[in-house]
Amino acid sequence: MSELDTMTHNSKIVRITNIKDNFNLSKQEFILFKENVTKGDESIFLQLFSVQLPSSIIYLKNKFGISREIAHDVCMDTMIEFREKLINDKINYGNLRYLFTRMAVNNYLDSEKKRLRIQEAVNVFSYMSDISKSDSDQFFTVLTSAMNNLKPDQKKLLENIYQSGRDMSSLAEELGLSYANLRKRKQRILSKLKSNFFEKLK
């Protein structure tokens, strides 16, 4: 009985010797793998990634100098994303190992950008007041409330800059403003937001 026959009979992969290129699956095996995952058979998927995850975690740790815990969380999120793409037929046979690693790297970079944007938002306010008196949940509750007091166009501008990470130059061009004028507008809105924030924090 071939390895492919074994997969068909038992609905699981019996042997994975190592992870190279396509998780050691032939093209036919990959097609069967995708069909079984789409039908809800998670055993094949989990067995493959029980081998893939450790090497991806080590790669992220070494590349970015991050903790194992952070690398593990990123890889788990990537595994979920990979599964969704697989079910939606957005992944084709090829260098699957490289694809997974690239997805994991992109997910880490995206999460780091988001973290830095959040930290930037915290830094905007922290130098003006001792926010250590408030826990982080309260901080973001008050910040959200202060954001909701802005005009819709003001709120949208800050969301574009801090949440979506839009480039200021391209955003200025889109709005028909010079970079300097957009920067001044951003600073005026931030001043209003700061005022709203500390009023609500009292």
Protein backbone atom coordinates (compact mmCIF):
# COMPACT_ATOMS: atom_id res chain seq x y z
CA MET A 1 0.00 0.00 0.00
CA SER A 2 1.45 3.36 -1.03
CA GLU A 3 1.71 6.37 1.25
CA LEU A 4 -1.11 8.00 -0.76
CA ASP A 5 -3.27 4.89 -0.27
CA THR A 6 -2.55 5.00 3.43
CA MET A 7 -3.71 8.62 3.56
CA THR A 8 -6.92 7.72 1.72
CA HIS A 9 -7.64 4.72 3.92
CA ASN A 10 -6.89 6.26 7.29
CA SER A 11 -7.69 9.92 6.47
CA LYS A 12 -4.36 10.87 7.96
CA ILE A 13 -0.71 11.10 7.08
CA VAL A 14 1.21 8.18 8.48
CA ARG A 15 4.77 9.30 7.76
CA ILE A 16 6.42 12.68 7.35
CA THR A 17 10.18 12.26 7.39
CA ASN A 18 11.11 15.93 7.06
CA ILE A 19 9.79 19.27 5.81
CA LYS A 20 11.04 20.28 2.38
CA ASP A 21 9.43 22.42 -0.26
CA ASN A 22 5.90 20.96 -0.11
CA PHE A 23 5.75 19.32 3.31
CA ASN A 24 6.94 16.11 1.65
CA LEU A 25 3.70 15.80 -0.30
CA SER A 26 3.53 14.93 -3.98
CA LYS A 27 1.13 16.95 -6.09
CA GLN A 28 -1.48 14.16 -5.89
CA GLU A 29 -1.04 13.90 -2.14
CA PHE A 30 -1.45 17.67 -1.83
CA ILE A 31 -4.72 17.53 -3.80
CA LEU A 32 -5.98 14.80 -1.47
CA PHE A 33 -4.73 16.76 1.54
CA LYS A 34 -6.65 19.86 0.41
CA GLU A 35 -9.81 17.86 -0.27
CA ASN A 36 -9.72 16.23 3.17
CA VAL A 37 -9.12 19.53 4.99
CA THR A 38 -11.98 21.12 3.03
CA LYS A 39 -14.22 18.25 4.17
CA GLY A 40 -13.30 19.01 7.78
CA ASP A 41 -10.63 16.39 8.43
CA GLU A 42 -8.28 18.32 10.73
CA SER A 43 -6.04 15.36 11.60
CA ILE A 44 -4.04 15.65 8.37
CA PHE A 45 -3.67 19.39 8.72
CA LEU A 46 -2.58 19.24 12.35
CA GLN A 47 -0.10 16.44 11.74
CA LEU A 48 1.59 18.36 8.95
CA PHE A 49 1.92 21.52 10.99
CA SER A 50 3.05 19.74 14.12
CA VAL A 51 6.22 19.26 12.08
CA GLN A 52 6.18 22.63 10.29
CA LEU A 53 5.63 24.85 13.33
CA PRO A 54 8.86 24.16 15.28
CA SER A 55 11.09 25.09 12.32
CA SER A 56 9.03 28.22 11.60
CA ILE A 57 9.19 29.29 15.25
CA ILE A 58 12.98 28.89 15.26
CA TYR A 59 13.23 30.84 11.98
CA LEU A 60 11.22 33.79 13.33
CA LYS A 61 13.17 33.79 16.61
CA ASN A 62 16.50 33.92 14.80
CA LYS A 63 15.44 36.40 12.12
CA PHE A 64 13.81 38.97 14.40
CA GLY A 65 15.34 38.20 17.79
CA ILE A 66 11.94 37.68 19.40
CA SER A 67 10.83 35.34 22.17
CA ARG A 68 9.62 31.83 21.49
CA GLU A 69 6.18 32.79 22.82
CA ILE A 70 5.77 35.63 20.31
CA ALA A 71 7.05 33.47 17.44
CA HIS A 72 4.69 30.66 18.47
CA ASP A 73 1.66 33.01 18.50
CA VAL A 74 2.56 34.36 15.06
CA CYS A 75 2.94 30.84 13.64
CA MET A 76 -0.36 29.72 15.12
CA ASP A 77 -2.12 32.70 13.53
CA THR A 78 -0.38 31.87 10.26
CA MET A 79 -1.52 28.25 10.49
CA ILE A 80 -5.14 29.41 10.81
CA GLU A 81 -4.70 31.79 7.87
CA PHE A 82 -3.05 29.04 5.80
CA ARG A 83 -5.96 26.70 6.50
CA GLU A 84 -8.51 29.35 5.46
CA LYS A 85 -6.65 30.01 2.22
CA LEU A 86 -6.41 26.29 1.58
CA ILE A 87 -10.16 25.80 2.04
CA ASN A 88 -10.89 28.82 -0.19
CA ASP A 89 -8.65 27.31 -2.90
CA LYS A 90 -6.16 30.20 -2.72
CA ILE A 91 -3.10 27.99 -2.25
CA ASN A 92 -1.64 26.01 -5.10
CA TYR A 93 0.96 23.27 -5.12
CA GLY A 94 4.47 24.66 -5.20
CA ASN A 95 6.93 25.66 -2.50
CA LEU A 96 4.45 25.41 0.37
CA ARG A 97 7.11 25.62 3.07
CA TYR A 98 8.40 28.90 1.64
CA LEU A 99 4.83 30.22 1.33
CA PHE A 100 4.06 29.42 4.97
CA THR A 101 7.32 31.03 6.14
CA ARG A 102 6.67 34.15 4.06
CA MET A 103 3.14 34.40 5.47
CA ALA A 104 4.52 34.06 9.02
CA VAL A 105 7.11 36.80 8.39
CA ASN A 106 4.45 39.13 6.95
CA ASN A 107 2.14 38.44 9.89
CA TYR A 108 4.90 39.27 12.37
CA LEU A 109 5.80 42.49 10.55
CA ASP A 110 2.13 43.52 10.42
CA SER A 111 1.67 42.82 14.13
CA GLU A 112 4.83 44.79 14.93
CA LYS A 113 3.61 47.77 12.90
CA LYS A 114 0.31 47.64 14.76
CA ARG A 115 2.12 47.43 18.10
CA LEU A 116 4.27 50.43 17.22
CA ARG A 117 1.21 52.44 16.14
CA ILE A 118 -0.47 51.65 19.46
CA GLN A 119 2.70 52.59 21.32
CA GLU A 120 2.87 55.84 19.37
CA ALA A 121 -0.70 56.61 20.36
CA VAL A 122 0.16 55.91 24.00
CA ASN A 123 3.26 58.11 23.78
CA VAL A 124 1.20 61.00 22.44
CA PHE A 125 -0.54 61.19 25.81
CA SER A 126 1.78 59.65 28.37
CA TYR A 127 4.20 62.59 28.58
CA MET A 128 1.32 64.89 29.55
CA SER A 129 -0.03 62.87 32.43
CA ASP A 130 0.81 59.98 34.69
CA ILE A 131 -1.35 57.39 32.96
CA SER A 132 0.08 54.70 35.18
CA LYS A 133 -2.82 55.61 37.49
CA SER A 134 -5.09 54.00 34.90
CA ASP A 135 -4.80 50.45 33.70
CA SER A 136 -4.41 49.83 29.98
CA ASP A 137 -8.07 48.84 29.54
CA GLN A 138 -9.23 52.12 31.01
CA PHE A 139 -6.71 54.02 28.91
CA PHE A 140 -8.06 52.63 25.64
CA THR A 141 -11.68 52.99 26.78
CA VAL A 142 -11.09 56.68 27.46
CA LEU A 143 -9.11 57.09 24.23
CA THR A 144 -11.94 55.53 22.20
CA SER A 145 -14.45 57.83 23.87
CA ALA A 146 -12.25 60.84 23.13
CA MET A 147 -11.88 59.72 19.49
CA ASN A 148 -15.68 59.51 19.17
CA ASN A 149 -15.94 63.18 20.13
CA LEU A 150 -13.97 64.20 17.05
CA LYS A 151 -15.68 65.19 13.81
CA PRO A 152 -15.99 62.30 11.33
CA ASP A 153 -13.33 63.72 8.98
CA GLN A 154 -10.93 64.30 11.90
CA LYS A 155 -11.44 60.78 13.19
CA LYS A 156 -10.98 59.32 9.71
CA LEU A 157 -7.70 61.20 9.26
CA LEU A 158 -6.24 59.82 12.49
CA GLU A 159 -7.46 56.33 11.67
CA ASN A 160 -5.78 56.55 8.27
CA ILE A 161 -2.49 57.61 9.85
CA TYR A 162 -2.36 55.51 13.01
CA GLN A 163 -4.55 52.46 12.35
CA SER A 164 -4.19 51.93 8.61
CA GLY A 165 -0.61 53.20 8.57
CA ARG A 166 -1.19 55.33 5.48
CA ASP A 167 1.83 57.17 4.10
CA MET A 168 1.46 60.88 4.91
CA SER A 169 2.73 62.02 1.51
CA SER A 170 0.27 59.90 -0.49
CA LEU A 171 -2.54 60.82 1.88
CA ALA A 172 -1.77 64.54 1.43
CA GLU A 173 -1.85 64.11 -2.34
CA GLU A 174 -5.16 62.25 -2.14
CA LEU A 175 -6.68 65.05 -0.03
CA GLY A 176 -5.28 67.81 -2.24
CA LEU A 177 -3.07 69.18 0.53
CA SER A 178 0.62 69.83 0.90
CA TYR A 179 2.52 67.58 3.26
CA ALA A 180 3.12 70.53 5.61
CA ASN A 181 -0.58 71.43 5.72
CA LEU A 182 -1.59 67.84 6.39
CA ARG A 183 0.96 67.63 9.19
CA LYS A 184 -0.43 70.83 10.75
CA ARG A 185 -3.97 69.47 10.48
CA LYS A 186 -2.89 66.25 12.15
CA GLN A 187 -1.28 68.19 15.00
CA ARG A 188 -4.44 70.30 15.52
CA ILE A 189 -6.60 67.19 15.67
CA LEU A 190 -4.18 65.53 18.09
CA SER A 191 -4.31 68.62 20.32
CA LYS A 192 -8.10 68.41 20.37
CA LEU A 193 -7.93 64.67 21.04
CA LYS A 194 -5.50 65.23 23.92
CA SER A 195 -7.84 67.80 25.42
CA ASN A 196 -10.82 65.42 25.09
CA PHE A 197 -8.78 62.55 26.50
CA PHE A 198 -7.62 64.28 29.66
CA GLU A 199 -11.02 65.82 30.26
CA LYS A 200 -12.55 62.34 30.27
CA LEU A 201 -9.69 60.86 32.30
CA LYS A 202 -10.34 63.20 35.25
